[in-house]
Structure formats: C-alpha cells, structure tokens
C-alpha cells in the first residue's frame, strides 16, 4: 500500500468516526460506558486502617482488617515490603516493634 492509498484509508476511517461523534452530539445521550471507580492503593488502605485504629498494629491485624473492612486480600510479604520502603524513605509509617507499624506522627489514644 502506497502513501496515497494509506491516506485515503485513514480519511475514510476518520470520516466514520466523525459521523458517530456527530450523531452522538445530536442525540445528546450519555456514553454507554461507565467510568471505573478509582480503587485505593494497598498503602492507602493500610494508612486508613492504622488511622482508624489510633494505635500501632501488627501486620497480621492490618491484613485481617483489610479483609474485613475493605474486602481486600493483602499479601503479607508485599505489605511488609511496601511499608518498609515507606519507613526507609521517612514517609507515612514507622515501625514500633517487629512487624508492628503505626502512622508517622499519627493520632494517638489518650492515655490520661
């Protein structure tokens, strides 16, 4: 196929697409697809869990709460690895005991 034939093919494809768009605009209908809801990342879920707990949690508890509260199955090694990366970069989390994490400068329970 030479360049001229390719250009004619592209022109016919674009005309077809433009026809569909113009028809859509005339009808004023909403698109038939529904945009996907943005899901929370595992770290955002972990952060939310620790925030609502208001205390440090062991990774086992974090995983259990993710399943219960968010219907999300977290892999233990993946969660620990991701949290450890955040800790090493000085963001979001801190380790308070082996495999036990808290939010960096997060809210604490009153001990009065």
PDB file of N, CA and C in Angstrom:
ATOM      1  N   UNK A   1       0.855  -1.174   0.000  1.00  0.00           N
ATOM      2  CA  UNK A   1       0.000   0.000   0.000  1.00  0.00           C
ATOM      3  C   UNK A   1       0.900   1.235   0.000  1.00  0.00           C
ATOM      4  N   UNK A   2       0.664   2.096  -0.965  1.00  0.00           N
ATOM      5  CA  UNK A   2       1.474   3.315  -1.015  1.00  0.00           C
ATOM      6  C   UNK A   2       0.893   4.381  -0.084  1.00  0.00           C
ATOM      7  N   UNK A   3       1.595   5.483   0.002  1.00  0.00           N
ATOM      8  CA  UNK A   3       1.211   6.541   0.931  1.00  0.00           C
ATOM      9  C   UNK A   3      -0.149   7.127   0.597  1.00  0.00           C
ATOM     10  N   UNK A   4      -0.440   7.284  -0.678  1.00  0.00           N
ATOM     11  CA  UNK A   4      -1.723   7.854  -1.085  1.00  0.00           C
ATOM     12  C   UNK A   4      -2.875   6.928  -0.686  1.00  0.00           C
ATOM     13  N   UNK A   5      -2.727   5.625  -0.884  1.00  0.00           N
ATOM     14  CA  UNK A   5      -3.773   4.659  -0.507  1.00  0.00           C
ATOM     15  C   UNK A   5      -3.963   4.647   1.015  1.00  0.00           C
ATOM     16  N   UNK A   6      -2.843   4.700   1.732  1.00  0.00           N
ATOM     17  CA  UNK A   6      -2.913   4.728   3.196  1.00  0.00           C
ATOM     18  C   UNK A   6      -3.662   5.969   3.672  1.00  0.00           C
ATOM     19  N   UNK A   7      -3.373   7.128   3.060  1.00  0.00           N
ATOM     20  CA  UNK A   7      -4.027   8.379   3.435  1.00  0.00           C
ATOM     21  C   UNK A   7      -5.530   8.304   3.165  1.00  0.00           C
ATOM     22  N   UNK A   8      -5.935   7.714   2.031  1.00  0.00           N
ATOM     23  CA  UNK A   8      -7.364   7.562   1.713  1.00  0.00           C
ATOM     24  C   UNK A   8      -8.051   6.664   2.736  1.00  0.00           C
ATOM     25  N   UNK A   9      -7.386   5.595   3.141  1.00  0.00           N
ATOM     26  CA  UNK A   9      -7.937   4.693   4.150  1.00  0.00           C
ATOM     27  C   UNK A   9      -8.118   5.429   5.474  1.00  0.00           C
ATOM     28  N   UNK A  10      -7.119   6.183   5.890  1.00  0.00           N
ATOM     29  CA  UNK A  10      -7.205   6.950   7.134  1.00  0.00           C
ATOM     30  C   UNK A  10      -8.330   7.975   7.067  1.00  0.00           C
ATOM     31  N   UNK A  11      -8.476   8.615   5.902  1.00  0.00           N
ATOM     32  CA  UNK A  11      -9.551   9.596   5.721  1.00  0.00           C
ATOM     33  C   UNK A  11     -10.924   8.945   5.895  1.00  0.00           C
ATOM     34  N   UNK A  12     -11.124   7.772   5.311  1.00  0.00           N
ATOM     35  CA  UNK A  12     -12.430   7.109   5.425  1.00  0.00           C
ATOM     36  C   UNK A  12     -12.694   6.669   6.868  1.00  0.00           C
ATOM     37  N   UNK A  13     -11.655   6.209   7.567  1.00  0.00           N
ATOM     38  CA  UNK A  13     -11.819   5.828   8.972  1.00  0.00           C
ATOM     39  C   UNK A  13     -12.189   7.038   9.826  1.00  0.00           C
ATOM     40  N   UNK A  14     -11.513   8.147   9.603  1.00  0.00           N
ATOM     41  CA  UNK A  14     -11.792   9.362  10.373  1.00  0.00           C
ATOM     42  C   UNK A  14     -13.185   9.905  10.074  1.00  0.00           C
ATOM     43  N   UNK A  15     -13.617   9.815   8.815  1.00  0.00           N
ATOM     44  CA  UNK A  15     -14.971  10.258   8.467  1.00  0.00           C
ATOM     45  C   UNK A  15     -16.008   9.418   9.196  1.00  0.00           C
ATOM     46  N   UNK A  16     -15.769   8.109   9.290  1.00  0.00           N
ATOM     47  CA  UNK A  16     -16.698   7.221  10.001  1.00  0.00           C
ATOM     48  C   UNK A  16     -16.753   7.580  11.481  1.00  0.00           C
ATOM     49  N   UNK A  17     -15.601   7.829  12.077  1.00  0.00           N
ATOM     50  CA  UNK A  17     -15.560   8.213  13.489  1.00  0.00           C
ATOM     51  C   UNK A  17     -16.263   9.542  13.714  1.00  0.00           C
ATOM     52  N   UNK A  18     -16.031  10.496  12.831  1.00  0.00           N
ATOM     53  CA  UNK A  18     -16.666  11.800  12.950  1.00  0.00           C
ATOM     54  C   UNK A  18     -18.185  11.684  12.825  1.00  0.00           C
ATOM     55  N   UNK A  19     -18.648  10.804  11.955  1.00  0.00           N
ATOM     56  CA  UNK A  19     -20.092  10.583  11.787  1.00  0.00           C
ATOM     57  C   UNK A  19     -20.710  10.083  13.099  1.00  0.00           C
ATOM     58  N   UNK A  20     -20.049   9.150  13.757  1.00  0.00           N
ATOM     59  CA  UNK A  20     -20.545   8.614  15.028  1.00  0.00           C
ATOM     60  C   UNK A  20     -20.558   9.699  16.097  1.00  0.00           C
ATOM     61  N   UNK A  21     -19.525  10.508  16.161  1.00  0.00           N
ATOM     62  CA  UNK A  21     -19.448  11.589  17.149  1.00  0.00           C
ATOM     63  C   UNK A  21     -20.556  12.609  16.916  1.00  0.00           C
ATOM     64  N   UNK A  22     -20.760  12.983  15.669  1.00  0.00           N
ATOM     65  CA  UNK A  22     -21.810  13.967  15.369  1.00  0.00           C
ATOM     66  C   UNK A  22     -23.190  13.412  15.715  1.00  0.00           C
ATOM     67  N   UNK A  23     -23.416  12.140  15.449  1.00  0.00           N
ATOM     68  CA  UNK A  23     -24.695  11.517  15.800  1.00  0.00           C
ATOM     69  C   UNK A  23     -24.903  11.538  17.311  1.00  0.00           C
ATOM     70  N   UNK A  24     -23.858  11.230  18.037  1.00  0.00           N
ATOM     71  CA  UNK A  24     -23.912  11.272  19.500  1.00  0.00           C
ATOM     72  C   UNK A  24     -24.267  12.673  19.989  1.00  0.00           C
ATOM     73  N   UNK A  25     -23.625  13.683  19.439  1.00  0.00           N
ATOM     74  CA  UNK A  25     -23.875  15.063  19.864  1.00  0.00           C
ATOM     75  C   UNK A  25     -25.299  15.508  19.534  1.00  0.00           C
ATOM     76  N   UNK A  26     -25.845  15.058  18.432  1.00  0.00           N
ATOM     77  CA  UNK A  26     -27.218  15.414  18.060  1.00  0.00           C
ATOM     78  C   UNK A  26     -28.228  14.813  19.026  1.00  0.00           C
ATOM     79  N   UNK A  27     -27.996  13.582  19.435  1.00  0.00           N
ATOM     80  CA  UNK A  27     -28.926  12.893  20.333  1.00  0.00           C
ATOM     81  C   UNK A  27     -28.796  13.380  21.769  1.00  0.00           C
ATOM     82  N   UNK A  28     -27.630  13.867  22.135  1.00  0.00           N
ATOM     83  CA  UNK A  28     -27.411  14.354  23.489  1.00  0.00           C
ATOM     84  C   UNK A  28     -27.428  13.251  24.527  1.00  0.00           C
ATOM     85  N   UNK A  29     -27.131  12.036  24.134  1.00  0.00           N
ATOM     86  CA  UNK A  29     -27.131  10.906  25.068  1.00  0.00           C
ATOM     87  C   UNK A  29     -25.823  10.844  25.834  1.00  0.00           C
ATOM     88  N   UNK A  30     -25.909  10.238  27.005  1.00  0.00           N
ATOM     89  CA  UNK A  30     -24.709   9.970  27.780  1.00  0.00           C
ATOM     90  C   UNK A  30     -24.004   8.752  27.179  1.00  0.00           C
ATOM     91  N   UNK A  31     -22.705   8.680  27.302  1.00  0.00           N
ATOM     92  CA  UNK A  31     -21.993   7.494  26.821  1.00  0.00           C
ATOM     93  C   UNK A  31     -22.499   6.238  27.530  1.00  0.00           C
ATOM     94  N   UNK A  32     -22.458   5.117  26.842  1.00  0.00           N
ATOM     95  CA  UNK A  32     -22.981   3.874  27.406  1.00  0.00           C
ATOM     96  C   UNK A  32     -22.013   3.209  28.377  1.00  0.00           C
ATOM     97  N   UNK A  33     -20.768   3.639  28.372  1.00  0.00           N
ATOM     98  CA  UNK A  33     -19.800   3.065  29.299  1.00  0.00           C
ATOM     99  C   UNK A  33     -19.860   3.819  30.619  1.00  0.00           C
ATOM    100  N   UNK A  34     -19.488   3.140  31.679  1.00  0.00           N
ATOM    101  CA  UNK A  34     -19.408   3.779  32.993  1.00  0.00           C
ATOM    102  C   UNK A  34     -17.945   3.852  33.383  1.00  0.00           C
ATOM    103  N   UNK A  35     -17.477   5.019  33.774  1.00  0.00           N
ATOM    104  CA  UNK A  35     -16.082   5.102  34.202  1.00  0.00           C
ATOM    105  C   UNK A  35     -15.856   4.263  35.456  1.00  0.00           C
ATOM    106  N   UNK A  36     -14.679   3.636  35.517  1.00  0.00           N
ATOM    107  CA  UNK A  36     -14.354   2.810  36.681  1.00  0.00           C
ATOM    108  C   UNK A  36     -14.100   3.697  37.882  1.00  0.00           C
ATOM    109  N   UNK A  37     -14.517   3.200  39.027  1.00  0.00           N
ATOM    110  CA  UNK A  37     -14.196   3.905  40.257  1.00  0.00           C
ATOM    111  C   UNK A  37     -12.734   3.674  40.565  1.00  0.00           C
ATOM    112  N   UNK A  38     -12.096   4.719  41.017  1.00  0.00           N
ATOM    113  CA  UNK A  38     -10.686   4.599  41.364  1.00  0.00           C
ATOM    114  C   UNK A  38     -10.557   3.821  42.668  1.00  0.00           C
ATOM    115  N   UNK A  39      -9.751   2.784  42.620  1.00  0.00           N
ATOM    116  CA  UNK A  39      -9.547   1.974  43.818  1.00  0.00           C
ATOM    117  C   UNK A  39      -8.425   2.558  44.660  1.00  0.00           C
ATOM    118  N   UNK A  40      -8.495   2.250  45.948  1.00  0.00           N
ATOM    119  CA  UNK A  40      -7.440   2.696  46.852  1.00  0.00           C
ATOM    120  C   UNK A  40      -6.245   1.764  46.709  1.00  0.00           C
ATOM    121  N   UNK A  41      -5.071   2.343  46.848  1.00  0.00           N
ATOM    122  CA  UNK A  41      -3.863   1.524  46.838  1.00  0.00           C
ATOM    123  C   UNK A  41      -3.758   0.759  48.158  1.00  0.00           C
ATOM    124  N   UNK A  42      -2.939  -0.263  48.163  1.00  0.00           N
ATOM    125  CA  UNK A  42      -2.736  -1.033  49.390  1.00  0.00           C
ATOM    126  C   UNK A  42      -2.182  -0.154  50.498  1.00  0.00           C
ATOM    127  N   UNK A  43      -1.328   0.791  50.155  1.00  0.00           N
ATOM    128  CA  UNK A  43      -0.761   1.671  51.176  1.00  0.00           C
ATOM    129  C   UNK A  43      -1.820   2.635  51.707  1.00  0.00           C
ATOM    130  N   UNK A  44      -2.722   3.089  50.862  1.00  0.00           N
ATOM    131  CA  UNK A  44      -3.804   3.953  51.342  1.00  0.00           C
ATOM    132  C   UNK A  44      -4.749   3.182  52.253  1.00  0.00           C
ATOM    133  N   UNK A  45      -5.025   1.930  51.911  1.00  0.00           N
ATOM    134  CA  UNK A  45      -5.867   1.083  52.768  1.00  0.00           C
ATOM    135  C   UNK A  45      -5.164   0.869  54.105  1.00  0.00           C
ATOM    136  N   UNK A  46      -3.874   0.567  54.067  1.00  0.00           N
ATOM    137  CA  UNK A  46      -3.100   0.357  55.288  1.00  0.00           C
ATOM    138  C   UNK A  46      -3.112   1.616  56.143  1.00  0.00           C
ATOM    139  N   UNK A  47      -2.915   2.754  55.521  1.00  0.00           N
ATOM    140  CA  UNK A  47      -2.930   4.030  56.240  1.00  0.00           C
ATOM    141  C   UNK A  47      -4.290   4.246  56.903  1.00  0.00           C
ATOM    142  N   UNK A  48      -5.372   4.020  56.158  1.00  0.00           N
ATOM    143  CA  UNK A  48      -6.724   4.195  56.707  1.00  0.00           C
ATOM    144  C   UNK A  48      -6.979   3.261  57.886  1.00  0.00           C
ATOM    145  N   UNK A  49      -6.481   2.045  57.784  1.00  0.00           N
ATOM    146  CA  UNK A  49      -6.651   1.071  58.874  1.00  0.00           C
ATOM    147  C   UNK A  49      -5.929   1.553  60.135  1.00  0.00           C
ATOM    148  N   UNK A  50      -4.682   1.974  59.982  1.00  0.00           N
ATOM    149  CA  UNK A  50      -3.914   2.459  61.133  1.00  0.00           C
ATOM    150  C   UNK A  50      -4.503   3.748  61.692  1.00  0.00           C
ATOM    151  N   UNK A  51      -5.015   4.594  60.823  1.00  0.00           N
ATOM    152  CA  UNK A  51      -5.632   5.844  61.264  1.00  0.00           C
ATOM    153  C   UNK A  51      -6.873   5.568  62.108  1.00  0.00           C
ATOM    154  N   UNK A  52      -7.706   4.634  61.658  1.00  0.00           N
ATOM    155  CA  UNK A  52      -8.924   4.333  62.411  1.00  0.00           C
ATOM    156  C   UNK A  52      -8.622   3.554  63.691  1.00  0.00           C
ATOM    157  N   UNK A  53      -7.536   2.775  63.702  1.00  0.00           N
ATOM    158  CA  UNK A  53      -7.161   2.014  64.903  1.00  0.00           C
ATOM    159  C   UNK A  53      -6.634   2.938  65.998  1.00  0.00           C
ATOM    160  N   UNK A  54      -6.008   4.049  65.601  1.00  0.00           N
ATOM    161  CA  UNK A  54      -5.412   5.012  66.536  1.00  0.00           C
ATOM    162  C   UNK A  54      -4.377   4.381  67.453  1.00  0.00           C
ATOM    163  N   UNK A  55      -3.773   3.311  66.967  1.00  0.00           N
ATOM    164  CA  UNK A  55      -2.699   2.652  67.709  1.00  0.00           C
ATOM    165  C   UNK A  55      -1.912   1.790  66.735  1.00  0.00           C
ATOM    166  N   UNK A  56      -0.699   1.399  67.103  1.00  0.00           N
ATOM    167  CA  UNK A  56       0.085   0.525  66.232  1.00  0.00           C
ATOM    168  C   UNK A  56      -0.597  -0.830  66.064  1.00  0.00           C
ATOM    169  N   UNK A  57      -0.425  -1.427  64.894  1.00  0.00           N
ATOM    170  CA  UNK A  57      -0.987  -2.755  64.629  1.00  0.00           C
ATOM    171  C   UNK A  57       0.074  -3.661  64.034  1.00  0.00           C
ATOM    172  N   UNK A  58      -0.018  -4.927  64.369  1.00  0.00           N
ATOM    173  CA  UNK A  58       0.834  -5.949  63.767  1.00  0.00           C
ATOM    174  C   UNK A  58       0.329  -6.196  62.349  1.00  0.00           C
ATOM    175  N   UNK A  59       1.220  -6.597  61.469  1.00  0.00           N
ATOM    176  CA  UNK A  59       0.855  -6.813  60.068  1.00  0.00           C
ATOM    177  C   UNK A  59      -0.307  -7.811  59.936  1.00  0.00           C
ATOM    178  N   UNK A  60      -0.378  -8.802  60.816  1.00  0.00           N
ATOM    179  CA  UNK A  60      -1.473  -9.773  60.784  1.00  0.00           C
ATOM    180  C   UNK A  60      -2.815  -9.076  61.022  1.00  0.00           C
ATOM    181  N   UNK A  61      -2.833  -8.131  61.946  1.00  0.00           N
ATOM    182  CA  UNK A  61      -4.059  -7.377  62.226  1.00  0.00           C
ATOM    183  C   UNK A  61      -4.421  -6.462  61.053  1.00  0.00           C
ATOM    184  N   UNK A  62      -3.417  -5.865  60.444  1.00  0.00           N
ATOM    185  CA  UNK A  62      -3.664  -4.997  59.282  1.00  0.00           C
ATOM    186  C   UNK A  62      -4.314  -5.804  58.164  1.00  0.00           C
ATOM    187  N   UNK A  63      -3.768  -6.990  57.900  1.00  0.00           N
ATOM    188  CA  UNK A  63      -4.307  -7.853  56.846  1.00  0.00           C
ATOM    189  C   UNK A  63      -5.736  -8.279  57.166  1.00  0.00           C
ATOM    190  N   UNK A  64      -5.992  -8.625  58.418  1.00  0.00           N
ATOM    191  CA  UNK A  64      -7.337  -9.046  58.819  1.00  0.00           C
ATOM    192  C   UNK A  64      -8.343  -7.905  58.665  1.00  0.00           C
ATOM    193  N   UNK A  65      -7.936  -6.700  59.058  1.00  0.00           N
ATOM    194  CA  UNK A  65      -8.846  -5.547  58.934  1.00  0.00           C
ATOM    195  C   UNK A  65      -9.074  -5.162  57.479  1.00  0.00           C
ATOM    196  N   UNK A  66      -8.062  -5.323  56.633  1.00  0.00           N
ATOM    197  CA  UNK A  66      -8.226  -5.027  55.204  1.00  0.00           C
ATOM    198  C   UNK A  66      -9.267  -5.966  54.595  1.00  0.00           C
ATOM    199  N   UNK A  67      -9.203  -7.214  54.995  1.00  0.00           N
ATOM    200  CA  UNK A  67     -10.179  -8.200  54.509  1.00  0.00           C
ATOM    201  C   UNK A  67     -11.572  -7.867  55.028  1.00  0.00           C
ATOM    202  N   UNK A  68     -11.676  -7.552  56.305  1.00  0.00           N
ATOM    203  CA  UNK A  68     -12.971  -7.281  56.941  1.00  0.00           C
ATOM    204  C   UNK A  68     -13.572  -5.955  56.480  1.00  0.00           C
ATOM    205  N   UNK A  69     -12.787  -4.895  56.485  1.00  0.00           N
ATOM    206  CA  UNK A  69     -13.320  -3.559  56.219  1.00  0.00           C
ATOM    207  C   UNK A  69     -13.365  -3.188  54.736  1.00  0.00           C
ATOM    208  N   UNK A  70     -12.427  -3.723  53.947  1.00  0.00           N
ATOM    209  CA  UNK A  70     -12.319  -3.317  52.545  1.00  0.00           C
ATOM    210  C   UNK A  70     -12.501  -4.479  51.568  1.00  0.00           C
ATOM    211  N   UNK A  71     -12.753  -5.683  52.087  1.00  0.00           N
ATOM    212  CA  UNK A  71     -12.855  -6.885  51.246  1.00  0.00           C
ATOM    213  C   UNK A  71     -11.640  -7.003  50.327  1.00  0.00           C
ATOM    214  N   UNK A  72     -10.483  -6.731  50.899  1.00  0.00           N
ATOM    215  CA  UNK A  72      -9.231  -6.727  50.140  1.00  0.00           C
ATOM    216  C   UNK A  72      -8.269  -7.727  50.767  1.00  0.00           C
ATOM    217  N   UNK A  73      -7.766  -8.638  49.951  1.00  0.00           N
ATOM    218  CA  UNK A  73      -6.804  -9.620  50.427  1.00  0.00           C
ATOM    219  C   UNK A  73      -5.399  -9.087  50.171  1.00  0.00           C
ATOM    220  N   UNK A  74      -4.671  -8.849  51.248  1.00  0.00           N
ATOM    221  CA  UNK A  74      -3.306  -8.352  51.148  1.00  0.00           C
ATOM    222  C   UNK A  74      -2.323  -9.495  51.365  1.00  0.00           C
ATOM    223  N   UNK A  75      -1.248  -9.488  50.606  1.00  0.00           N
ATOM    224  CA  UNK A  75      -0.177 -10.464  50.777  1.00  0.00           C
ATOM    225  C   UNK A  75       0.781  -9.935  51.841  1.00  0.00           C
ATOM    226  N   UNK A  76       1.048 -10.757  52.838  1.00  0.00           N
ATOM    227  CA  UNK A  76       1.863 -10.344  53.973  1.00  0.00           C
ATOM    228  C   UNK A  76       3.219  -9.777  53.548  1.00  0.00           C
ATOM    229  N   UNK A  77       3.952 -10.506  52.722  1.00  0.00           N
ATOM    230  CA  UNK A  77       5.293 -10.071  52.320  1.00  0.00           C
ATOM    231  C   UNK A  77       5.231  -8.765  51.534  1.00  0.00           C
ATOM    232  N   UNK A  78       4.218  -8.622  50.702  1.00  0.00           N
ATOM    233  CA  UNK A  78       4.060  -7.418  49.897  1.00  0.00           C
ATOM    234  C   UNK A  78       3.787  -6.203  50.780  1.00  0.00           C
ATOM    235  N   UNK A  79       2.915  -6.369  51.754  1.00  0.00           N
ATOM    236  CA  UNK A  79       2.574  -5.270  52.657  1.00  0.00           C
ATOM    237  C   UNK A  79       3.786  -4.858  53.479  1.00  0.00           C
ATOM    238  N   UNK A  80       4.468  -5.828  54.062  1.00  0.00           N
ATOM    239  CA  UNK A  80       5.650  -5.526  54.886  1.00  0.00           C
ATOM    240  C   UNK A  80       6.719  -4.842  54.034  1.00  0.00           C
ATOM    241  N   UNK A  81       6.929  -5.329  52.821  1.00  0.00           N
ATOM    242  CA  UNK A  81       7.924  -4.732  51.940  1.00  0.00           C
ATOM    243  C   UNK A  81       7.567  -3.288  51.589  1.00  0.00           C
ATOM    244  N   UNK A  82       6.314  -3.052  51.249  1.00  0.00           N
ATOM    245  CA  UNK A  82       5.889  -1.697  50.878  1.00  0.00           C
ATOM    246  C   UNK A  82       5.976  -0.744  52.065  1.00  0.00           C
ATOM    247  N   UNK A  83       5.545  -1.201  53.233  1.00  0.00           N
ATOM    248  CA  UNK A  83       5.627  -0.347  54.426  1.00  0.00           C
ATOM    249  C   UNK A  83       7.085  -0.051  54.758  1.00  0.00           C
ATOM    250  N   UNK A  84       7.940  -1.064  54.657  1.00  0.00           N
ATOM    251  CA  UNK A  84       9.365  -0.888  54.942  1.00  0.00           C
ATOM    252  C   UNK A  84       9.984   0.151  54.014  1.00  0.00           C
ATOM    253  N   UNK A  85       9.591   0.140  52.744  1.00  0.00           N
ATOM    254  CA  UNK A  85      10.095   1.149  51.801  1.00  0.00           C
ATOM    255  C   UNK A  85       9.670   2.552  52.228  1.00  0.00           C
ATOM    256  N   UNK A  86       8.428   2.676  52.682  1.00  0.00           N
ATOM    257  CA  UNK A  86       7.942   3.986  53.145  1.00  0.00           C
ATOM    258  C   UNK A  86       8.714   4.423  54.390  1.00  0.00           C
ATOM    259  N   UNK A  87       8.964   3.479  55.297  1.00  0.00           N
ATOM    260  CA  UNK A  87       9.702   3.786  56.532  1.00  0.00           C
ATOM    261  C   UNK A  87      11.105   4.263  56.194  1.00  0.00           C
ATOM    262  N   UNK A  88      11.782   3.550  55.290  1.00  0.00           N
ATOM    263  CA  UNK A  88      13.157   3.906  54.928  1.00  0.00           C
ATOM    264  C   UNK A  88      13.238   5.274  54.266  1.00  0.00           C
ATOM    265  N   UNK A  89      12.157   5.659  53.566  1.00  0.00           N
ATOM    266  CA  UNK A  89      12.161   6.978  52.931  1.00  0.00           C
ATOM    267  C   UNK A  89      11.624   8.064  53.865  1.00  0.00           C
ATOM    268  N   UNK A  90      11.248   7.649  55.099  1.00  0.00           N
ATOM    269  CA  UNK A  90      10.784   8.612  56.092  1.00  0.00           C
ATOM    270  C   UNK A  90       9.378   9.123  55.839  1.00  0.00           C
ATOM    271  N   UNK A  91       8.547   8.310  55.179  1.00  0.00           N
ATOM    272  CA  UNK A  91       7.184   8.738  54.852  1.00  0.00           C
ATOM    273  C   UNK A  91       6.133   7.789  55.413  1.00  0.00           C
ATOM    274  N   UNK A  92       5.033   8.318  55.805  1.00  0.00           N
ATOM    275  CA  UNK A  92       3.783   7.646  56.160  1.00  0.00           C
ATOM    276  C   UNK A  92       3.791   6.782  57.420  1.00  0.00           C
ATOM    277  N   UNK A  93       4.768   5.869  57.544  1.00  0.00           N
ATOM    278  CA  UNK A  93       4.713   4.867  58.609  1.00  0.00           C
ATOM    279  C   UNK A  93       5.995   4.844  59.433  1.00  0.00           C
ATOM    280  N   UNK A  94       5.875   4.227  60.608  1.00  0.00           N
ATOM    281  CA  UNK A  94       7.049   3.937  61.426  1.00  0.00           C
ATOM    282  C   UNK A  94       6.868   2.548  62.029  1.00  0.00           C
ATOM    283  N   UNK A  95       7.997   1.900  62.287  1.00  0.00           N
ATOM    284  CA  UNK A  95       7.988   0.575  62.906  1.00  0.00           C
ATOM    285  C   UNK A  95       8.145   0.775  64.409  1.00  0.00           C
ATOM    286  N   UNK A  96       7.247   0.178  65.193  1.00  0.00           N
ATOM    287  CA  UNK A  96       7.311   0.341  66.645  1.00  0.00           C
ATOM    288  C   UNK A  96       7.715  -0.953  67.347  1.00  0.00           C
ATOM    289  N   UNK A  97       7.650  -2.065  66.606  1.00  0.00           N
ATOM    290  CA  UNK A  97       8.061  -3.381  67.103  1.00  0.00           C
ATOM    291  C   UNK A  97       8.187  -4.274  65.870  1.00  0.00           C
ATOM    292  N   UNK A  98       8.714  -5.479  66.019  1.00  0.00           N
ATOM    293  CA  UNK A  98       8.818  -6.357  64.849  1.00  0.00           C
ATOM    294  C   UNK A  98       7.450  -6.548  64.176  1.00  0.00           C
ATOM    295  N   UNK A  99       7.397  -6.209  62.881  1.00  0.00           N
ATOM    296  CA  UNK A  99       6.183  -6.324  62.063  1.00  0.00           C
ATOM    297  C   UNK A  99       4.980  -5.592  62.647  1.00  0.00           C
ATOM    298  N   UNK A 100       5.238  -4.580  63.464  1.00  0.00           N
ATOM    299  CA  UNK A 100       4.178  -3.758  64.044  1.00  0.00           C
ATOM    300  C   UNK A 100       4.427  -2.318  63.620  1.00  0.00           C
ATOM    301  N   UNK A 101       3.382  -1.706  63.052  1.00  0.00           N
ATOM    302  CA  UNK A 101       3.552  -0.400  62.418  1.00  0.00           C
ATOM    303  C   UNK A 101       2.523   0.601  62.920  1.00  0.00           C
ATOM    304  N   UNK A 102       2.887   1.878  62.774  1.00  0.00           N
ATOM    305  CA  UNK A 102       1.992   2.962  63.137  1.00  0.00           C
ATOM    306  C   UNK A 102       2.167   4.054  62.090  1.00  0.00           C
ATOM    307  N   UNK A 103       1.251   4.999  62.116  1.00  0.00           N
ATOM    308  CA  UNK A 103       1.349   6.146  61.222  1.00  0.00           C
ATOM    309  C   UNK A 103       2.426   7.068  61.762  1.00  0.00           C
ATOM    310  N   UNK A 104       3.233   7.585  60.871  1.00  0.00           N
ATOM    311  CA  UNK A 104       4.275   8.532  61.253  1.00  0.00           C
ATOM    312  C   UNK A 104       3.619   9.786  61.791  1.00  0.00           C
ATOM    313  N   UNK A 105       3.875  10.106  63.056  1.00  0.00           N
ATOM    314  CA  UNK A 105       3.277  11.261  63.726  1.00  0.00           C
ATOM    315  C   UNK A 105       1.757  11.252  63.640  1.00  0.00           C
ATOM    316  N   UNK A 106       1.183  10.062  63.718  1.00  0.00           N
ATOM    317  CA  UNK A 106      -0.274   9.931  63.639  1.00  0.00           C
ATOM    318  C   UNK A 106      -0.945  10.195  64.963  1.00  0.00           C
ATOM    319  N   UNK A 107      -2.277  10.259  64.948  1.00  0.00           N
ATOM    320  CA  UNK A 107      -3.024  10.487  66.188  1.00  0.00           C
ATOM    321  C   UNK A 107      -2.882   9.314  67.141  1.00  0.00           C
ATOM    322  N   UNK A 108      -2.802   9.606  68.417  1.00  0.00           N
ATOM    323  CA  UNK A 108      -2.640   8.566  69.439  1.00  0.00           C
ATOM    324  C   UNK A 108      -3.851   8.553  70.357  1.00  0.00           C
ATOM    325  N   UNK A 109      -4.051   7.427  71.016  1.00  0.00           N
ATOM    326  CA  UNK A 109      -5.113   7.350  72.011  1.00  0.00           C
ATOM    327  C   UNK A 109      -4.711   8.166  73.220  1.00  0.00           C
ATOM    328  N   UNK A 110      -5.664   8.753  73.874  1.00  0.00           N
ATOM    329  CA  UNK A 110      -5.371   9.482  75.114  1.00  0.00           C
ATOM    330  C   UNK A 110      -5.045   8.504  76.210  1.00  0.00           C
ATOM    331  N   UNK A 111      -3.942   8.714  76.880  1.00  0.00           N
ATOM    332  CA  UNK A 111      -3.561   7.810  77.957  1.00  0.00           C
ATOM    333  C   UNK A 111      -3.796   8.462  79.314  1.00  0.00           C
ATOM    334  N   UNK A 112      -4.717   9.418  79.390  1.00  0.00           N
ATOM    335  CA  UNK A 112      -4.988  10.094  80.646  1.00  0.00           C
ATOM    336  C   UNK A 112      -5.938   9.327  81.488  1.00  0.00           C
TER     337      UNK A 112
END
